[in-house]
Amino acid sequence: MNKQTLAFAAASFLALASNVAAETSISAVNGHKINHVDQGSGPAIILIHGLGADHTRWNANIDKLSETNRVIAPDLVGFGRSDKPDMDYSVSMYVDQIAGLMDNLGIENATLVGSSMGGLISMLFAERYPERVERLVLVAPAFVFGLPEAVTADMLASGASPKTIGQMEAYLSRVYANPPTDPEVIEALLAEHRQVNSGGAVASLARSIKSGEPTYSDDRLAALKMATLIVHGTQDGIVPVDASRNLASKLANTSFHEFSGAGHWPQLERADDFNDLIADYLRGEDQTR
């Protein structure tokens, strides 16, 4: 397998339903350059990735969702092609970065779709700026109730930052229900993952998350009144599906949908079904299943 074919295979697996990357732009927010997709027109949707990821985790969704909406998909500061400053990171700091990006792009309010840690960022944003949130979509939201006592910051950072082929295989087996097995594809995915996470954001965020910042109580959850859809794959090896079932039971205005046989990124493994689900939800159709 030559280098060009290998890169294509890795990109194709990562995006699954889309092997053409969306065009990106750069915006300056709070003194940092943020790389982001801005595609389509209509009501705004902001796609927020998780720990150790970037905007490409939405490659299988951007084109479809942008047929009827303006889709914004940033690389959070510290990841992808956004700035990676040497500083202390926290989940809550991304709330103002998303607000600043919305201001720069002239977006007053939006539906926030957050994957994993991006789900927690979306919840924090809705808590701080409820008037700017139309709806929430939480895809396998992580860290809402903090980390299990037995999981250290180092364990979290190591799990999200594989450095060897063996570690990458283990990582892929946790995020995908059907992970790749071709050694060359895994090697290419490892190289891509290293580039996305070439700064110190993962380790810093892991320390912040382990410290309990932020962690939701039942009272804080009950105060979130906006319409919320929680989506989770039943084969998720990162966040147990029971965590989302529990979360759904504590939110006031929530629909819950499970993707049978999908892992931590159902937006990739079940892209067509996921895109249809979001489109239906934005039209106001009930997604409780």
Foldseek 3Di string as FASTA:
>chain_A
DDPVVLLQVLQCQLQVQASDDADWDWDAFPNWIKIKHWAAADAEEEEEEDFLDAQSLQRLFVVLVRVHHTYIGIGQAQFDPIDNDDDFDELQVVLRVVVRVCVVVVQQAHEYEYAASGLVSVLSNCLVCVVRHQEYEYQLYYLQAFDPPVQALVNQLCQSQPDDLVSLVVNQVQFWLDGDDPSSSSVSNNVVSCNGNVHDHSSSHSNNRNVPVDYDDLVSQQPNAHAYEYEYECRHNPHHPVVVVVSQVSHDHYAYYYDYSGYSSCCRVVVVVVNVLVVCVVVPDGRHD
